[in-house]
Structure formats: structure tokens, C-alpha cells
Amino acid sequence: MLLLALALEAAAGYPDRLYRAIGHPVTWIGRLIAALDRALNREADPPGRRRAAGILALLVLLTATGLAAIGAAAAAAACGAGAGLLLCGLAAASLPAQRSLHDHVARVAEALVREGLPGGRREVAMIVGRNPDTLDEAGVCRAAIESLAENFSDGIVAPAFWLGLAGLPGGALYKAVNTADSMIGHRTPRHAAFGWASARLDDLVNLPASRLAAGLLIGAALLRPDASARGALAAVRRDAGRHRSPNAGWPEAAMAGALALRLAGPRTYGRTRIEDAWMGDGRAGAGPQDVVRALALYRTACGLLWGAAALLAAAACLA
């Protein structure tokens, strides 16, 4: 199922016509999270009560998502082994985002070359939360590469890991946690207490995938003449633990070391400046060609992930 899902998503993504017709699992999950936020996150409540309400909201979200995914998997299985595998693979293909991530990041490099800095800022604002007006060309390129590295971990490797470990319910539950963190896990005044449980659980469920993503990027660097596996490994060992996120530093450091760049570091979200450690000890002056190199490394790492899924599928068949 995992191998089929990765292949289908890489080939076709999530079709726009299907999205317009029925939406996407993330939008369905997002509507439930928004409803729970409106119903349970009362600004008049003290922080302790809002934290408890956030825990309750997370439990409701996971219960609803888990039951829906278990029901979908059971309905697919009732159609027979072959049809059930195909149906589960089609459903699971909505969870990783290999193609859309690649296309969004590629558009940043293309816009910089075609339109200059204004075009690059416009496109990078679609994939990062930082203030694009504070970014020069190197900052735009670093932001795109950082987003590619981090989202390779939590947008592709993590759903693949949980799909492989626990089937369609595992992948769906991971996506629910990750979406909750994206929507309510940030430390804004409204969500500092209410989103605490979602943010902490997201950190936990992403721990194995972030390490695996770094390993895949190091392995991909071994296969590419324009990347350094030794540099990637050294950067992970030295810098991954210095990132303010317990997970993002692993793929970002691997990407930075592989491409001889510096990523992360100080940056601005809205009007707030974040002082974070640099990942990698290369040059900070990234350009559009470095985004292209990062995308090539990303495609190779995705290929390694497919290979690992194929080996697991073969082992399961032989067991």
C-alpha cells in the first residue's frame, strides 16, 4: 500500500478536479480543528483550562480521524485483496506531498530567474511563514531550500513512515496531528495554551521521520556528484541539535551540509525576529541554481524512500 501510494502521488499528485469536487483529507481535518477551536478555546478561560480544552480537542480529533480511517480500510478490504489494496493505495496517496512540494519550490527558482526578486518573494510566501519583504535573493533561496528540507521530513517521510507502520489509520492519524500543529500549535496568544498538546504530540510523532529524512538526504548525497554526503553527515552531527525545533534541524542540517550552504539562522516572521542557529558551515549566499540542486537531491532522496518501501513490500510478501 505504501509503495503504491508513493508511486501514485509522485505520478499524479492530488488532481485539481478531485479537490474541487470533494476537497482533500487535510481540508476535512482542518474544518474539524477549526470547529473545535471555536467551540472549546474560550479566551475568558484561564490558561490551565484552555490547555485542558486543547487536550480534549486533540482527543476528539484523533478519535474521529481514526474511526474514519479504520472504517475506510475495512470497507476497502471487503472488496477483496486486489481491489482493497488499490483502494487503500488511492486513499493513502492523498497523505504524502512529493509532487506538490517539488512544484512549489521549483516555482521559486523559476520566478527568480524570470521576474527577479519580486517574483521570488511572491512564490516563497506561498510555502513559508516568514515575512518575504525582509528577504533578499539569497534569503528567498535559503527559505525555499529550508522549506523543501523540513517538508520532506514532515510532509513525505513522516506520513510514509506511519503508513508503513500502521497502515491507512496510522497515516491519517499522523496527518491529523500535523495539521493540528499547523493550525493551532503555534505560540500565539490565542493558541499558546490551547495548542500545547497538539504541538508536543507533533514533535513526538515526527521524531523518527526527521532522523530518517536526514539519513535519506545523506544517502542521496552519496549518489549525486554535486553534493557531499560527508558534509551532510558532519552538519547533522554538529548542528541538528542546535535548532530550536527538535526535528527540523535534522533534515535542514543534512541539506545544508550536502550543498555546502548555511540554512536556518536568524529570520523574521511577521514583525518578530527569531534568533536561531545556523545549519551548515557553507555559504549563506544561495542562488536559484542552489534551489535546483536541492530539488535534484530531494528527488534522489524520494527515490531512496521508494526503494525502502519496495524492499519492505518484498519482505512482507516473502514472510
C-alpha atoms as a PDB file:
ATOM      1  CA  MET A   1       0.000   0.000   0.000  1.00  0.00           C
ATOM      2  CA  LEU A   2       2.790   2.441   0.897  1.00  0.00           C
ATOM      3  CA  LEU A   3       4.714   1.766  -2.303  1.00  0.00           C
ATOM      4  CA  LEU A   4       1.555   2.152  -4.389  1.00  0.00           C
ATOM      5  CA  ALA A   5       0.623   5.384  -2.591  1.00  0.00           C
ATOM      6  CA  LEU A   6       4.065   6.930  -3.144  1.00  0.00           C
ATOM      7  CA  ALA A   7       4.072   5.972  -6.819  1.00  0.00           C
ATOM      8  CA  LEU A   8       0.544   7.288  -7.445  1.00  0.00           C
ATOM      9  CA  GLU A   9       1.192  10.584  -5.671  1.00  0.00           C
ATOM     10  CA  ALA A  10       4.520  11.149  -7.431  1.00  0.00           C
ATOM     11  CA  ALA A  11       2.904  10.483 -10.814  1.00  0.00           C
ATOM     12  CA  ALA A  12      -0.310  12.464 -10.433  1.00  0.00           C
ATOM     13  CA  GLY A  13      -0.280  14.428  -7.200  1.00  0.00           C
ATOM     14  CA  TYR A  14      -3.762  15.268  -5.948  1.00  0.00           C
ATOM     15  CA  PRO A  15      -5.823  16.188  -9.039  1.00  0.00           C
ATOM     16  CA  ASP A  16      -7.334  19.692  -9.030  1.00  0.00           C
ATOM     17  CA  ARG A  17     -10.633  18.330 -10.337  1.00  0.00           C
ATOM     18  CA  LEU A  18     -10.889  15.943  -7.392  1.00  0.00           C
ATOM     19  CA  TYR A  19     -10.010  18.739  -4.967  1.00  0.00           C
ATOM     20  CA  ARG A  20     -12.726  20.970  -6.384  1.00  0.00           C
ATOM     21  CA  ALA A  21     -15.237  18.112  -6.216  1.00  0.00           C
ATOM     22  CA  ILE A  22     -14.666  16.734  -2.722  1.00  0.00           C
ATOM     23  CA  GLY A  23     -11.823  18.691  -1.129  1.00  0.00           C
ATOM     24  CA  HIS A  24      -8.822  16.959   0.454  1.00  0.00           C
ATOM     25  CA  PRO A  25      -8.382  14.955   3.669  1.00  0.00           C
ATOM     26  CA  VAL A  26      -6.345  17.826   5.123  1.00  0.00           C
ATOM     27  CA  THR A  27      -9.193  20.272   4.447  1.00  0.00           C
ATOM     28  CA  TRP A  28     -11.668  17.893   6.096  1.00  0.00           C
ATOM     29  CA  ILE A  29      -9.399  17.595   9.122  1.00  0.00           C
ATOM     30  CA  GLY A  30      -8.869  21.342   9.109  1.00  0.00           C
ATOM     31  CA  ARG A  31     -12.595  22.057   9.260  1.00  0.00           C
ATOM     32  CA  LEU A  32     -12.936  19.835  12.331  1.00  0.00           C
ATOM     33  CA  ILE A  33      -9.966  21.519  14.024  1.00  0.00           C
ATOM     34  CA  ALA A  34     -11.404  24.964  13.298  1.00  0.00           C
ATOM     35  CA  ALA A  35     -14.785  23.918  14.716  1.00  0.00           C
ATOM     36  CA  LEU A  36     -13.158  22.553  17.873  1.00  0.00           C
ATOM     37  CA  ASP A  37     -11.114  25.739  18.229  1.00  0.00           C
ATOM     38  CA  ARG A  38     -14.259  27.886  18.014  1.00  0.00           C
ATOM     39  CA  ALA A  39     -16.219  25.690  20.414  1.00  0.00           C
ATOM     40  CA  LEU A  40     -13.623  24.944  23.093  1.00  0.00           C
ATOM     41  CA  ASN A  41     -10.964  27.671  23.032  1.00  0.00           C
ATOM     42  CA  ARG A  42     -12.600  30.383  25.129  1.00  0.00           C
ATOM     43  CA  GLU A  43     -10.489  33.492  25.643  1.00  0.00           C
ATOM     44  CA  ALA A  44     -12.112  34.168  29.029  1.00  0.00           C
ATOM     45  CA  ASP A  45     -10.831  30.847  30.432  1.00  0.00           C
ATOM     46  CA  PRO A  46      -7.550  30.688  32.398  1.00  0.00           C
ATOM     47  CA  PRO A  47      -4.514  29.043  30.726  1.00  0.00           C
ATOM     48  CA  GLY A  48      -4.900  25.761  32.611  1.00  0.00           C
ATOM     49  CA  ARG A  49      -8.474  25.301  31.466  1.00  0.00           C
ATOM     50  CA  ARG A  50      -7.572  26.241  27.886  1.00  0.00           C
ATOM     51  CA  ARG A  51      -4.757  23.671  27.917  1.00  0.00           C
ATOM     52  CA  ALA A  52      -7.209  21.013  29.122  1.00  0.00           C
ATOM     53  CA  ALA A  53      -9.638  22.065  26.394  1.00  0.00           C
ATOM     54  CA  GLY A  54      -6.850  21.675  23.848  1.00  0.00           C
ATOM     55  CA  ILE A  55      -6.174  18.143  25.070  1.00  0.00           C
ATOM     56  CA  LEU A  56      -9.876  17.340  24.748  1.00  0.00           C
ATOM     57  CA  ALA A  57      -9.954  18.812  21.230  1.00  0.00           C
ATOM     58  CA  LEU A  58      -6.966  16.685  20.224  1.00  0.00           C
ATOM     59  CA  LEU A  59      -8.615  13.529  21.594  1.00  0.00           C
ATOM     60  CA  VAL A  60     -11.827  14.276  19.676  1.00  0.00           C
ATOM     61  CA  LEU A  61      -9.823  14.924  16.503  1.00  0.00           C
ATOM     62  CA  LEU A  62      -7.827  11.701  16.795  1.00  0.00           C
ATOM     63  CA  THR A  63     -10.902   9.624  17.626  1.00  0.00           C
ATOM     64  CA  ALA A  64     -12.874  10.954  14.667  1.00  0.00           C
ATOM     65  CA  THR A  65      -9.936  10.594  12.262  1.00  0.00           C
ATOM     66  CA  GLY A  66      -9.025   7.136  13.484  1.00  0.00           C
ATOM     67  CA  LEU A  67     -12.566   5.808  13.243  1.00  0.00           C
ATOM     68  CA  ALA A  68     -12.997   7.236   9.738  1.00  0.00           C
ATOM     69  CA  ALA A  69      -9.706   5.728   8.556  1.00  0.00           C
ATOM     70  CA  ILE A  70     -10.407   2.337  10.131  1.00  0.00           C
ATOM     71  CA  GLY A  71     -13.835   2.329   8.504  1.00  0.00           C
ATOM     72  CA  ALA A  72     -12.370   3.225   5.110  1.00  0.00           C
ATOM     73  CA  ALA A  73      -9.709   0.498   5.391  1.00  0.00           C
ATOM     74  CA  ALA A  74     -12.322  -2.086   6.415  1.00  0.00           C
ATOM     75  CA  ALA A  75     -14.596  -1.116   3.519  1.00  0.00           C
ATOM     76  CA  ALA A  76     -11.675  -1.430   1.095  1.00  0.00           C
ATOM     77  CA  ALA A  77     -10.693  -4.823   2.493  1.00  0.00           C
ATOM     78  CA  ALA A  78     -14.246  -6.063   1.995  1.00  0.00           C
ATOM     79  CA  CYS A  79     -13.808  -5.532  -1.759  1.00  0.00           C
ATOM     80  CA  GLY A  80     -11.173  -8.269  -1.947  1.00  0.00           C
ATOM     81  CA  ALA A  81      -7.390  -8.326  -1.676  1.00  0.00           C
ATOM     82  CA  GLY A  82      -6.508  -6.733  -5.008  1.00  0.00           C
ATOM     83  CA  ALA A  83      -9.268  -4.140  -5.071  1.00  0.00           C
ATOM     84  CA  GLY A  84      -8.751  -3.405  -1.390  1.00  0.00           C
ATOM     85  CA  LEU A  85      -5.043  -2.760  -1.924  1.00  0.00           C
ATOM     86  CA  LEU A  86      -5.801  -0.422  -4.819  1.00  0.00           C
ATOM     87  CA  LEU A  87      -8.466   1.492  -2.889  1.00  0.00           C
ATOM     88  CA  CYS A  88      -6.243   1.850   0.183  1.00  0.00           C
ATOM     89  CA  GLY A  89      -3.354   2.922  -2.027  1.00  0.00           C
ATOM     90  CA  LEU A  90      -5.518   5.577  -3.683  1.00  0.00           C
ATOM     91  CA  ALA A  91      -6.667   6.880  -0.293  1.00  0.00           C
ATOM     92  CA  ALA A  92      -3.142   6.808   1.132  1.00  0.00           C
ATOM     93  CA  ALA A  93      -1.791   8.698  -1.897  1.00  0.00           C
ATOM     94  CA  SER A  94      -3.532  11.820  -0.571  1.00  0.00           C
ATOM     95  CA  LEU A  95      -1.282  11.893   2.512  1.00  0.00           C
ATOM     96  CA  PRO A  96       2.304  12.460   1.226  1.00  0.00           C
ATOM     97  CA  ALA A  97       3.003  15.556  -0.888  1.00  0.00           C
ATOM     98  CA  GLN A  98       6.029  14.736  -3.027  1.00  0.00           C
ATOM     99  CA  ARG A  99       4.812  16.326  -6.244  1.00  0.00           C
ATOM    100  CA  SER A 100       3.226  19.479  -4.849  1.00  0.00           C
ATOM    101  CA  LEU A 101       6.248  20.232  -2.657  1.00  0.00           C
ATOM    102  CA  HIS A 102       8.592  19.860  -5.619  1.00  0.00           C
ATOM    103  CA  ASP A 103       6.424  22.072  -7.819  1.00  0.00           C
ATOM    104  CA  HIS A 104       6.043  24.837  -5.223  1.00  0.00           C
ATOM    105  CA  VAL A 105       9.777  25.038  -4.548  1.00  0.00           C
ATOM    106  CA  ALA A 106      10.637  24.858  -8.248  1.00  0.00           C
ATOM    107  CA  ARG A 107       8.377  27.845  -8.893  1.00  0.00           C
ATOM    108  CA  VAL A 108      10.514  29.953  -6.537  1.00  0.00           C
ATOM    109  CA  ALA A 109      13.649  29.382  -8.627  1.00  0.00           C
ATOM    110  CA  GLU A 110      11.745  29.885 -11.861  1.00  0.00           C
ATOM    111  CA  ALA A 111      10.210  33.157 -10.648  1.00  0.00           C
ATOM    112  CA  LEU A 112      13.590  34.499  -9.520  1.00  0.00           C
ATOM    113  CA  VAL A 113      15.102  33.812 -12.927  1.00  0.00           C
ATOM    114  CA  ARG A 114      12.081  35.102 -14.876  1.00  0.00           C
ATOM    115  CA  GLU A 115      10.870  38.028 -12.741  1.00  0.00           C
ATOM    116  CA  GLY A 116      13.657  38.790 -10.285  1.00  0.00           C
ATOM    117  CA  LEU A 117      13.288  39.363  -6.554  1.00  0.00           C
ATOM    118  CA  PRO A 118       9.589  40.421  -6.543  1.00  0.00           C
ATOM    119  CA  GLY A 119       8.584  37.170  -8.244  1.00  0.00           C
ATOM    120  CA  GLY A 120      10.740  35.090  -5.925  1.00  0.00           C
ATOM    121  CA  ARG A 121       9.274  36.782  -2.857  1.00  0.00           C
ATOM    122  CA  ARG A 122       5.748  36.180  -4.129  1.00  0.00           C
ATOM    123  CA  GLU A 123       6.332  32.471  -4.709  1.00  0.00           C
ATOM    124  CA  VAL A 124       8.272  31.804  -1.496  1.00  0.00           C
ATOM    125  CA  ALA A 125       5.470  33.453   0.523  1.00  0.00           C
ATOM    126  CA  MET A 126       3.277  30.539  -0.623  1.00  0.00           C
ATOM    127  CA  ILE A 127       5.404  27.985   1.241  1.00  0.00           C
ATOM    128  CA  VAL A 128       6.971  29.754   4.256  1.00  0.00           C
ATOM    129  CA  GLY A 129       5.571  31.829   7.093  1.00  0.00           C
ATOM    130  CA  ARG A 130       8.354  34.401   7.308  1.00  0.00           C
ATOM    131  CA  ASN A 131       7.986  37.975   6.078  1.00  0.00           C
ATOM    132  CA  PRO A 132       9.075  37.891   2.403  1.00  0.00           C
ATOM    133  CA  ASP A 133       9.707  41.652   2.340  1.00  0.00           C
ATOM    134  CA  THR A 134      12.719  41.117   4.620  1.00  0.00           C
ATOM    135  CA  LEU A 135      14.354  38.639   2.209  1.00  0.00           C
ATOM    136  CA  ASP A 136      16.945  39.381  -0.443  1.00  0.00           C
ATOM    137  CA  GLU A 137      17.556  36.879  -3.247  1.00  0.00           C
ATOM    138  CA  ALA A 138      19.807  34.716  -1.061  1.00  0.00           C
ATOM    139  CA  GLY A 139      17.203  34.797   1.720  1.00  0.00           C
ATOM    140  CA  VAL A 140      14.451  33.749  -0.685  1.00  0.00           C
ATOM    141  CA  CYS A 141      16.560  30.828  -1.923  1.00  0.00           C
ATOM    142  CA  ARG A 142      17.519  29.729   1.588  1.00  0.00           C
ATOM    143  CA  ALA A 143      13.870  29.900   2.687  1.00  0.00           C
ATOM    144  CA  ALA A 144      12.821  27.723  -0.258  1.00  0.00           C
ATOM    145  CA  ILE A 145      15.551  25.156   0.436  1.00  0.00           C
ATOM    146  CA  GLU A 146      14.759  25.090   4.168  1.00  0.00           C
ATOM    147  CA  SER A 147      11.076  24.536   3.395  1.00  0.00           C
ATOM    148  CA  LEU A 148      11.996  21.736   0.997  1.00  0.00           C
ATOM    149  CA  ALA A 149      14.132  20.014   3.648  1.00  0.00           C
ATOM    150  CA  GLU A 150      11.670  20.392   6.515  1.00  0.00           C
ATOM    151  CA  ASN A 151       8.643  19.405   4.453  1.00  0.00           C
ATOM    152  CA  PHE A 152      10.492  16.419   3.027  1.00  0.00           C
ATOM    153  CA  SER A 153      10.546  15.202   6.620  1.00  0.00           C
ATOM    154  CA  ASP A 154       7.062  16.035   7.878  1.00  0.00           C
ATOM    155  CA  GLY A 155       5.198  16.115   4.559  1.00  0.00           C
ATOM    156  CA  ILE A 156       6.604  12.966   2.944  1.00  0.00           C
ATOM    157  CA  VAL A 157       8.817  10.796   5.134  1.00  0.00           C
ATOM    158  CA  ALA A 158       6.602  11.061   8.224  1.00  0.00           C
ATOM    159  CA  PRO A 159       3.307  10.068   6.552  1.00  0.00           C
ATOM    160  CA  ALA A 160       5.175   7.309   4.709  1.00  0.00           C
ATOM    161  CA  PHE A 161       6.665   6.063   7.992  1.00  0.00           C
ATOM    162  CA  TRP A 162       3.297   5.928   9.736  1.00  0.00           C
ATOM    163  CA  LEU A 163       1.561   4.424   6.691  1.00  0.00           C
ATOM    164  CA  GLY A 164       4.196   1.691   6.597  1.00  0.00           C
ATOM    165  CA  LEU A 165       3.985   1.095  10.334  1.00  0.00           C
ATOM    166  CA  ALA A 166       0.223   1.257  10.915  1.00  0.00           C
ATOM    167  CA  GLY A 167      -1.492   1.299   7.530  1.00  0.00           C
ATOM    168  CA  LEU A 168      -4.065   3.837   6.434  1.00  0.00           C
ATOM    169  CA  PRO A 169      -5.185   4.636  10.022  1.00  0.00           C
ATOM    170  CA  GLY A 170      -1.584   5.355  11.020  1.00  0.00           C
ATOM    171  CA  GLY A 171      -1.049   7.726   8.116  1.00  0.00           C
ATOM    172  CA  ALA A 172      -4.360   9.502   8.673  1.00  0.00           C
ATOM    173  CA  LEU A 173      -3.735   9.940  12.398  1.00  0.00           C
ATOM    174  CA  TYR A 174      -0.294  11.384  11.681  1.00  0.00           C
ATOM    175  CA  LYS A 175      -1.811  13.857   9.217  1.00  0.00           C
ATOM    176  CA  ALA A 176      -4.388  14.909  11.811  1.00  0.00           C
ATOM    177  CA  VAL A 177      -1.679  15.640  14.380  1.00  0.00           C
ATOM    178  CA  ASN A 178       0.469  17.502  11.863  1.00  0.00           C
ATOM    179  CA  THR A 179      -2.467  19.595  10.633  1.00  0.00           C
ATOM    180  CA  ALA A 180      -3.464  20.433  14.202  1.00  0.00           C
ATOM    181  CA  ASP A 181       0.069  21.625  14.897  1.00  0.00           C
ATOM    182  CA  SER A 182      -0.004  23.784  11.761  1.00  0.00           C
ATOM    183  CA  MET A 183      -3.316  25.380  12.711  1.00  0.00           C
ATOM    184  CA  ILE A 184      -3.223  25.697  16.497  1.00  0.00           C
ATOM    185  CA  GLY A 185       0.246  24.605  17.582  1.00  0.00           C
ATOM    186  CA  HIS A 186       1.968  27.982  17.226  1.00  0.00           C
ATOM    187  CA  ARG A 187       2.641  30.011  20.347  1.00  0.00           C
ATOM    188  CA  THR A 188       0.256  32.843  19.531  1.00  0.00           C
ATOM    189  CA  PRO A 189      -1.722  34.429  22.394  1.00  0.00           C
ATOM    190  CA  ARG A 190      -4.831  32.506  21.318  1.00  0.00           C
ATOM    191  CA  HIS A 191      -3.145  29.120  20.960  1.00  0.00           C
ATOM    192  CA  ALA A 192      -0.246  29.127  23.434  1.00  0.00           C
ATOM    193  CA  ALA A 193      -2.259  27.028  25.911  1.00  0.00           C
ATOM    194  CA  PHE A 194      -4.946  25.502  23.687  1.00  0.00           C
ATOM    195  CA  GLY A 195      -2.440  24.245  21.099  1.00  0.00           C
ATOM    196  CA  TRP A 196       0.113  22.950  23.606  1.00  0.00           C
ATOM    197  CA  ALA A 197      -0.912  19.281  23.328  1.00  0.00           C
ATOM    198  CA  SER A 198      -1.006  19.345  19.521  1.00  0.00           C
ATOM    199  CA  ALA A 199       2.438  20.933  19.294  1.00  0.00           C
ATOM    200  CA  ARG A 200       4.025  18.493  21.746  1.00  0.00           C
ATOM    201  CA  LEU A 201       2.454  15.431  20.117  1.00  0.00           C
ATOM    202  CA  ASP A 202       3.557  16.642  16.682  1.00  0.00           C
ATOM    203  CA  ASP A 203       7.135  16.908  17.962  1.00  0.00           C
ATOM    204  CA  LEU A 204       6.899  13.326  19.245  1.00  0.00           C
ATOM    205  CA  VAL A 205       5.412  11.689  16.144  1.00  0.00           C
ATOM    206  CA  ASN A 206       7.935  13.464  13.893  1.00  0.00           C
ATOM    207  CA  LEU A 207      10.997  12.285  15.828  1.00  0.00           C
ATOM    208  CA  PRO A 208      11.611   9.065  13.853  1.00  0.00           C
ATOM    209  CA  ALA A 209      10.835  10.635  10.466  1.00  0.00           C
ATOM    210  CA  SER A 210      13.183  13.597  10.953  1.00  0.00           C
ATOM    211  CA  ARG A 211      16.108  11.254  11.627  1.00  0.00           C
ATOM    212  CA  LEU A 212      15.115   9.028   8.720  1.00  0.00           C
ATOM    213  CA  ALA A 213      14.789  12.058   6.428  1.00  0.00           C
ATOM    214  CA  ALA A 214      18.306  13.171   7.337  1.00  0.00           C
ATOM    215  CA  GLY A 215      19.583   9.664   6.583  1.00  0.00           C
ATOM    216  CA  LEU A 216      17.847   9.632   3.209  1.00  0.00           C
ATOM    217  CA  LEU A 217      19.361  13.018   2.304  1.00  0.00           C
ATOM    218  CA  ILE A 218      22.820  11.802   3.318  1.00  0.00           C
ATOM    219  CA  GLY A 219      22.288   8.677   1.215  1.00  0.00           C
ATOM    220  CA  ALA A 220      21.082  10.790  -1.707  1.00  0.00           C
ATOM    221  CA  ALA A 221      24.210  12.958  -1.437  1.00  0.00           C
ATOM    222  CA  LEU A 222      26.303   9.808  -1.876  1.00  0.00           C
ATOM    223  CA  LEU A 223      24.650   9.279  -5.258  1.00  0.00           C
ATOM    224  CA  ARG A 224      24.988  12.809  -6.587  1.00  0.00           C
ATOM    225  CA  PRO A 225      28.233  14.329  -7.909  1.00  0.00           C
ATOM    226  CA  ASP A 226      27.130  17.854  -6.939  1.00  0.00           C
ATOM    227  CA  ALA A 227      26.521  17.019  -3.254  1.00  0.00           C
ATOM    228  CA  SER A 228      28.629  15.901  -0.297  1.00  0.00           C
ATOM    229  CA  ALA A 229      27.495  13.052   1.947  1.00  0.00           C
ATOM    230  CA  ARG A 230      30.452  13.722   4.258  1.00  0.00           C
ATOM    231  CA  GLY A 231      29.408  17.364   4.570  1.00  0.00           C
ATOM    232  CA  ALA A 232      25.800  16.356   5.241  1.00  0.00           C
ATOM    233  CA  LEU A 233      26.779  13.908   7.965  1.00  0.00           C
ATOM    234  CA  ALA A 234      29.123  16.412   9.606  1.00  0.00           C
ATOM    235  CA  ALA A 235      26.446  19.119   9.614  1.00  0.00           C
ATOM    236  CA  VAL A 236      23.865  16.782  11.146  1.00  0.00           C
ATOM    237  CA  ARG A 237      26.255  15.733  13.903  1.00  0.00           C
ATOM    238  CA  ARG A 238      27.298  19.294  14.665  1.00  0.00           C
ATOM    239  CA  ASP A 239      24.162  21.367  14.094  1.00  0.00           C
ATOM    240  CA  ALA A 240      20.917  19.337  14.189  1.00  0.00           C
ATOM    241  CA  GLY A 241      20.580  19.541  17.958  1.00  0.00           C
ATOM    242  CA  ARG A 242      21.144  23.312  17.977  1.00  0.00           C
ATOM    243  CA  HIS A 243      17.934  24.081  16.042  1.00  0.00           C
ATOM    244  CA  ARG A 244      15.046  25.492  18.087  1.00  0.00           C
ATOM    245  CA  SER A 245      12.879  22.639  16.737  1.00  0.00           C
ATOM    246  CA  PRO A 246      13.663  19.110  17.968  1.00  0.00           C
ATOM    247  CA  ASN A 247      13.059  17.803  14.435  1.00  0.00           C
ATOM    248  CA  ALA A 248      13.567  20.460  11.750  1.00  0.00           C
ATOM    249  CA  GLY A 249      17.296  20.698  12.364  1.00  0.00           C
ATOM    250  CA  TRP A 250      17.930  17.148  11.144  1.00  0.00           C
ATOM    251  CA  PRO A 251      16.806  17.457   7.511  1.00  0.00           C
ATOM    252  CA  GLU A 252      17.855  21.118   7.309  1.00  0.00           C
ATOM    253  CA  ALA A 253      21.358  20.359   8.531  1.00  0.00           C
ATOM    254  CA  ALA A 254      21.646  17.403   6.153  1.00  0.00           C
ATOM    255  CA  MET A 255      20.516  19.540   3.213  1.00  0.00           C
ATOM    256  CA  ALA A 256      22.846  22.397   4.182  1.00  0.00           C
ATOM    257  CA  GLY A 257      25.876  20.162   4.577  1.00  0.00           C
ATOM    258  CA  ALA A 258      25.177  18.267   1.371  1.00  0.00           C
ATOM    259  CA  LEU A 259      25.015  21.506  -0.652  1.00  0.00           C
ATOM    260  CA  ALA A 260      27.776  23.394   1.243  1.00  0.00           C
ATOM    261  CA  LEU A 261      25.298  26.051   2.372  1.00  0.00           C
ATOM    262  CA  ARG A 262      24.181  27.691   5.589  1.00  0.00           C
ATOM    263  CA  LEU A 263      20.458  27.395   6.342  1.00  0.00           C
ATOM    264  CA  ALA A 264      18.104  28.489   9.140  1.00  0.00           C
ATOM    265  CA  GLY A 265      19.814  31.171  11.256  1.00  0.00           C
ATOM    266  CA  PRO A 266      18.126  34.475  12.230  1.00  0.00           C
ATOM    267  CA  ARG A 267      14.889  35.204  10.349  1.00  0.00           C
ATOM    268  CA  THR A 268      11.711  37.264  10.636  1.00  0.00           C
ATOM    269  CA  TYR A 269       8.117  36.026  10.938  1.00  0.00           C
ATOM    270  CA  GLY A 270       5.741  38.959  10.539  1.00  0.00           C
ATOM    271  CA  ARG A 271       7.420  41.546  12.760  1.00  0.00           C
ATOM    272  CA  THR A 272       9.047  39.023  15.086  1.00  0.00           C
ATOM    273  CA  ARG A 273      12.722  38.217  14.625  1.00  0.00           C
ATOM    274  CA  ILE A 274      13.758  34.676  15.536  1.00  0.00           C
ATOM    275  CA  GLU A 275      17.361  34.133  16.570  1.00  0.00           C
ATOM    276  CA  ASP A 276      18.136  30.559  15.568  1.00  0.00           C
ATOM    277  CA  ALA A 277      21.379  28.682  14.998  1.00  0.00           C
ATOM    278  CA  TRP A 278      22.813  28.221  11.533  1.00  0.00           C
ATOM    279  CA  MET A 279      22.654  24.768   9.999  1.00  0.00           C
ATOM    280  CA  GLY A 280      25.805  24.008   8.000  1.00  0.00           C
ATOM    281  CA  ASP A 281      29.012  26.000   7.711  1.00  0.00           C
ATOM    282  CA  GLY A 282      28.974  26.761   3.969  1.00  0.00           C
ATOM    283  CA  ARG A 283      27.993  29.957   2.190  1.00  0.00           C
ATOM    284  CA  ALA A 284      24.850  31.884   3.025  1.00  0.00           C
ATOM    285  CA  GLY A 285      24.682  33.396  -0.452  1.00  0.00           C
ATOM    286  CA  ALA A 286      22.376  30.837  -2.049  1.00  0.00           C
ATOM    287  CA  GLY A 287      21.026  31.416  -5.559  1.00  0.00           C
ATOM    288  CA  PRO A 288      18.385  29.925  -7.877  1.00  0.00           C
ATOM    289  CA  GLN A 289      20.840  27.278  -9.056  1.00  0.00           C
ATOM    290  CA  ASP A 290      21.182  26.074  -5.452  1.00  0.00           C
ATOM    291  CA  VAL A 291      17.407  25.619  -5.313  1.00  0.00           C
ATOM    292  CA  VAL A 292      17.695  23.498  -8.458  1.00  0.00           C
ATOM    293  CA  ARG A 293      20.485  21.445  -6.816  1.00  0.00           C
ATOM    294  CA  ALA A 294      18.361  20.997  -3.684  1.00  0.00           C
ATOM    295  CA  LEU A 295      15.455  19.750  -5.783  1.00  0.00           C
ATOM    296  CA  ALA A 296      17.717  17.215  -7.502  1.00  0.00           C
ATOM    297  CA  LEU A 297      18.895  15.968  -4.098  1.00  0.00           C
ATOM    298  CA  TYR A 298      15.273  15.829  -2.940  1.00  0.00           C
ATOM    299  CA  ARG A 299      14.224  13.720  -5.943  1.00  0.00           C
ATOM    300  CA  THR A 300      17.061  11.287  -5.261  1.00  0.00           C
ATOM    301  CA  ALA A 301      16.066  11.044  -1.586  1.00  0.00           C
ATOM    302  CA  CYS A 302      12.463  10.346  -2.630  1.00  0.00           C
ATOM    303  CA  GLY A 303      13.798   7.578  -4.873  1.00  0.00           C
ATOM    304  CA  LEU A 304      15.589   6.058  -1.891  1.00  0.00           C
ATOM    305  CA  LEU A 305      12.349   6.212   0.083  1.00  0.00           C
ATOM    306  CA  TRP A 306      10.554   4.369  -2.724  1.00  0.00           C
ATOM    307  CA  GLY A 307      13.353   1.779  -2.725  1.00  0.00           C
ATOM    308  CA  ALA A 308      12.963   1.257   1.009  1.00  0.00           C
ATOM    309  CA  ALA A 309       9.197   0.846   0.576  1.00  0.00           C
ATOM    310  CA  ALA A 310       9.818  -1.696  -2.214  1.00  0.00           C
ATOM    311  CA  LEU A 311      12.181  -3.709   0.000  1.00  0.00           C
ATOM    312  CA  LEU A 312       9.640  -3.717   2.817  1.00  0.00           C
ATOM    313  CA  ALA A 313       6.915  -4.813   0.403  1.00  0.00           C
ATOM    314  CA  ALA A 314       9.110  -7.631  -0.911  1.00  0.00           C
ATOM    315  CA  ALA A 315       9.961  -8.743   2.625  1.00  0.00           C
ATOM    316  CA  ALA A 316       6.271  -8.733   3.558  1.00  0.00           C
ATOM    317  CA  CYS A 317       5.420 -10.857   0.532  1.00  0.00           C
ATOM    318  CA  LEU A 318       8.139 -13.370   1.375  1.00  0.00           C
ATOM    319  CA  ALA A 319       7.306 -13.558   5.081  1.00  0.00           C
END
